[in-house]
């Protein structure tokens, strides 16, 4: 039975950022991405890990908190897509953050497109 808390999204409701591009590090960078999402009518943004500044994965820098808060404030879902195993292995706090985020409906850390598809379709 599909989880009713997981949103079912049509493809057009998702803005997928390319892996190439300027790194997202600041709250203004997040606002620019959210503005792009609004412009495309997207309610979710998929960001490859390569687009996130390394500070995003070091929670004490508060970069992740600032970026995620902007997405929450503007009711835009965020998917961090890619392998973050090395970052998680280096930080218990990040491991806990990822686990809690993946239980919610606003921020997901997913390994690949197959995991994203499974999450969105409830399979």
C-alpha atoms as a PDB file:
ATOM      1  CA  UNK A   1       0.000   0.000   0.000  1.00  0.00           C
ATOM      2  CA  UNK A   2       1.467   3.409  -0.954  1.00  0.00           C
ATOM      3  CA  UNK A   3       2.425   5.795   1.816  1.00  0.00           C
ATOM      4  CA  UNK A   4      -0.232   8.573   1.824  1.00  0.00           C
ATOM      5  CA  UNK A   5       2.253  11.136   3.176  1.00  0.00           C
ATOM      6  CA  UNK A   6       4.439  10.928   0.066  1.00  0.00           C
ATOM      7  CA  UNK A   7       3.292  13.363  -2.612  1.00  0.00           C
ATOM      8  CA  UNK A   8       2.487  12.009  -6.068  1.00  0.00           C
ATOM      9  CA  UNK A   9       3.886  14.496  -8.529  1.00  0.00           C
ATOM     10  CA  UNK A  10       3.509  14.851 -12.272  1.00  0.00           C
ATOM     11  CA  UNK A  11       6.829  15.343 -14.082  1.00  0.00           C
ATOM     12  CA  UNK A  12       6.046  19.009 -14.768  1.00  0.00           C
ATOM     13  CA  UNK A  13       5.842  19.704 -11.036  1.00  0.00           C
ATOM     14  CA  UNK A  14       9.569  18.953 -10.692  1.00  0.00           C
ATOM     15  CA  UNK A  15      12.423  21.257 -11.668  1.00  0.00           C
ATOM     16  CA  UNK A  16      15.595  19.231 -12.235  1.00  0.00           C
ATOM     17  CA  UNK A  17      18.806  21.213 -12.038  1.00  0.00           C
ATOM     18  CA  UNK A  18      21.725  20.030 -14.161  1.00  0.00           C
ATOM     19  CA  UNK A  19      24.857  18.779 -12.408  1.00  0.00           C
ATOM     20  CA  UNK A  20      26.862  21.483 -14.159  1.00  0.00           C
ATOM     21  CA  UNK A  21      26.400  24.999 -12.933  1.00  0.00           C
ATOM     22  CA  UNK A  22      27.252  27.393 -10.168  1.00  0.00           C
ATOM     23  CA  UNK A  23      27.325  25.823  -6.722  1.00  0.00           C
ATOM     24  CA  UNK A  24      24.433  26.543  -4.407  1.00  0.00           C
ATOM     25  CA  UNK A  25      25.859  27.867  -1.155  1.00  0.00           C
ATOM     26  CA  UNK A  26      23.923  30.897   0.017  1.00  0.00           C
ATOM     27  CA  UNK A  27      20.336  31.649   0.877  1.00  0.00           C
ATOM     28  CA  UNK A  28      20.266  33.952  -2.163  1.00  0.00           C
ATOM     29  CA  UNK A  29      21.343  31.017  -4.332  1.00  0.00           C
ATOM     30  CA  UNK A  30      18.408  29.078  -2.877  1.00  0.00           C
ATOM     31  CA  UNK A  31      16.054  31.972  -3.597  1.00  0.00           C
ATOM     32  CA  UNK A  32      17.231  32.056  -7.213  1.00  0.00           C
ATOM     33  CA  UNK A  33      16.468  28.343  -7.567  1.00  0.00           C
ATOM     34  CA  UNK A  34      13.072  28.749  -5.886  1.00  0.00           C
ATOM     35  CA  UNK A  35      12.294  31.616  -8.269  1.00  0.00           C
ATOM     36  CA  UNK A  36      13.166  29.340 -11.198  1.00  0.00           C
ATOM     37  CA  UNK A  37      10.890  26.667  -9.739  1.00  0.00           C
ATOM     38  CA  UNK A  38       8.012  29.140  -9.467  1.00  0.00           C
ATOM     39  CA  UNK A  39       8.656  30.260 -13.038  1.00  0.00           C
ATOM     40  CA  UNK A  40       8.362  26.656 -14.228  1.00  0.00           C
ATOM     41  CA  UNK A  41       5.315  25.920 -12.073  1.00  0.00           C
ATOM     42  CA  UNK A  42       7.321  23.356 -10.117  1.00  0.00           C
ATOM     43  CA  UNK A  43       6.601  22.480  -6.520  1.00  0.00           C
ATOM     44  CA  UNK A  44       9.773  20.375  -6.121  1.00  0.00           C
ATOM     45  CA  UNK A  45      13.405  20.934  -7.088  1.00  0.00           C
ATOM     46  CA  UNK A  46      15.907  18.131  -7.661  1.00  0.00           C
ATOM     47  CA  UNK A  47      19.466  19.286  -6.992  1.00  0.00           C
ATOM     48  CA  UNK A  48      22.384  16.979  -7.836  1.00  0.00           C
ATOM     49  CA  UNK A  49      24.924  16.794  -5.024  1.00  0.00           C
ATOM     50  CA  UNK A  50      27.527  18.233  -7.408  1.00  0.00           C
ATOM     51  CA  UNK A  51      25.615  21.544  -7.376  1.00  0.00           C
ATOM     52  CA  UNK A  52      25.769  21.927  -3.602  1.00  0.00           C
ATOM     53  CA  UNK A  53      28.767  23.633  -2.056  1.00  0.00           C
ATOM     54  CA  UNK A  54      30.701  21.239   0.217  1.00  0.00           C
ATOM     55  CA  UNK A  55      29.730  23.415   3.212  1.00  0.00           C
ATOM     56  CA  UNK A  56      26.148  22.217   2.749  1.00  0.00           C
ATOM     57  CA  UNK A  57      27.190  18.830   4.121  1.00  0.00           C
ATOM     58  CA  UNK A  58      28.953  20.282   7.178  1.00  0.00           C
ATOM     59  CA  UNK A  59      26.033  21.155   9.432  1.00  0.00           C
ATOM     60  CA  UNK A  60      28.024  23.391  11.769  1.00  0.00           C
ATOM     61  CA  UNK A  61      28.432  25.870   8.866  1.00  0.00           C
ATOM     62  CA  UNK A  62      24.630  26.346   8.892  1.00  0.00           C
ATOM     63  CA  UNK A  63      24.619  26.449   5.095  1.00  0.00           C
ATOM     64  CA  UNK A  64      22.182  23.534   4.826  1.00  0.00           C
ATOM     65  CA  UNK A  65      19.913  25.048   7.450  1.00  0.00           C
ATOM     66  CA  UNK A  66      19.699  28.380   5.659  1.00  0.00           C
ATOM     67  CA  UNK A  67      19.050  26.809   2.278  1.00  0.00           C
ATOM     68  CA  UNK A  68      16.519  24.296   3.530  1.00  0.00           C
ATOM     69  CA  UNK A  69      14.670  26.986   5.491  1.00  0.00           C
ATOM     70  CA  UNK A  70      14.152  29.013   2.311  1.00  0.00           C
ATOM     71  CA  UNK A  71      12.619  25.983   0.597  1.00  0.00           C
ATOM     72  CA  UNK A  72      10.358  25.375   3.600  1.00  0.00           C
ATOM     73  CA  UNK A  73       9.316  29.034   3.774  1.00  0.00           C
ATOM     74  CA  UNK A  74       8.296  29.000   0.117  1.00  0.00           C
ATOM     75  CA  UNK A  75       6.661  25.571   0.344  1.00  0.00           C
ATOM     76  CA  UNK A  76       8.936  24.115  -2.281  1.00  0.00           C
ATOM     77  CA  UNK A  77      10.193  20.562  -1.851  1.00  0.00           C
ATOM     78  CA  UNK A  78      13.892  19.851  -2.179  1.00  0.00           C
ATOM     79  CA  UNK A  79      15.524  16.614  -3.302  1.00  0.00           C
ATOM     80  CA  UNK A  80      19.277  16.283  -2.893  1.00  0.00           C
ATOM     81  CA  UNK A  81      20.128  13.634  -5.462  1.00  0.00           C
ATOM     82  CA  UNK A  82      23.352  11.664  -5.428  1.00  0.00           C
ATOM     83  CA  UNK A  83      25.753   9.705  -3.298  1.00  0.00           C
ATOM     84  CA  UNK A  84      26.504  11.396   0.017  1.00  0.00           C
ATOM     85  CA  UNK A  85      27.795   8.280   1.793  1.00  0.00           C
ATOM     86  CA  UNK A  86      31.212   9.829   2.503  1.00  0.00           C
ATOM     87  CA  UNK A  87      29.627  12.924   4.055  1.00  0.00           C
ATOM     88  CA  UNK A  88      27.252  10.831   6.166  1.00  0.00           C
ATOM     89  CA  UNK A  89      30.050   8.526   7.307  1.00  0.00           C
ATOM     90  CA  UNK A  90      31.998  11.557   8.523  1.00  0.00           C
ATOM     91  CA  UNK A  91      29.150  13.087  10.552  1.00  0.00           C
ATOM     92  CA  UNK A  92      26.661  11.537  12.954  1.00  0.00           C
ATOM     93  CA  UNK A  93      24.713  14.818  12.922  1.00  0.00           C
ATOM     94  CA  UNK A  94      24.381  14.720   9.138  1.00  0.00           C
ATOM     95  CA  UNK A  95      23.376  11.056   9.247  1.00  0.00           C
ATOM     96  CA  UNK A  96      20.584  11.922  11.698  1.00  0.00           C
ATOM     97  CA  UNK A  97      19.527  14.955   9.633  1.00  0.00           C
ATOM     98  CA  UNK A  98      19.301  12.852   6.480  1.00  0.00           C
ATOM     99  CA  UNK A  99      17.325  10.115   8.233  1.00  0.00           C
ATOM    100  CA  UNK A 100      14.817  12.575   9.702  1.00  0.00           C
ATOM    101  CA  UNK A 101      14.503  14.523   6.454  1.00  0.00           C
ATOM    102  CA  UNK A 102      13.750  11.372   4.489  1.00  0.00           C
ATOM    103  CA  UNK A 103      10.861  10.619   6.848  1.00  0.00           C
ATOM    104  CA  UNK A 104       9.218  13.914   5.954  1.00  0.00           C
ATOM    105  CA  UNK A 105       7.571  15.417   2.920  1.00  0.00           C
ATOM    106  CA  UNK A 106       9.707  18.536   2.364  1.00  0.00           C
ATOM    107  CA  UNK A 107      13.354  17.424   2.023  1.00  0.00           C
ATOM    108  CA  UNK A 108      14.717  14.135   0.735  1.00  0.00           C
ATOM    109  CA  UNK A 109      18.246  12.867   0.292  1.00  0.00           C
ATOM    110  CA  UNK A 110      18.090  10.207  -2.421  1.00  0.00           C
ATOM    111  CA  UNK A 111      20.878   8.222  -4.051  1.00  0.00           C
ATOM    112  CA  UNK A 112      19.681   8.124  -7.652  1.00  0.00           C
ATOM    113  CA  UNK A 113      16.840   8.570 -10.135  1.00  0.00           C
ATOM    114  CA  UNK A 114      15.473   5.090  -9.410  1.00  0.00           C
ATOM    115  CA  UNK A 115      15.083   5.955  -5.734  1.00  0.00           C
ATOM    116  CA  UNK A 116      13.399   9.237  -6.664  1.00  0.00           C
ATOM    117  CA  UNK A 117      11.003   7.466  -9.023  1.00  0.00           C
ATOM    118  CA  UNK A 118      10.156   4.908  -6.337  1.00  0.00           C
ATOM    119  CA  UNK A 119       9.544   7.675  -3.809  1.00  0.00           C
ATOM    120  CA  UNK A 120       7.285   9.620  -6.154  1.00  0.00           C
ATOM    121  CA  UNK A 121       5.275   6.654  -7.358  1.00  0.00           C
ATOM    122  CA  UNK A 122       5.044   4.792  -4.053  1.00  0.00           C
ATOM    123  CA  UNK A 123       6.698   1.674  -5.483  1.00  0.00           C
END
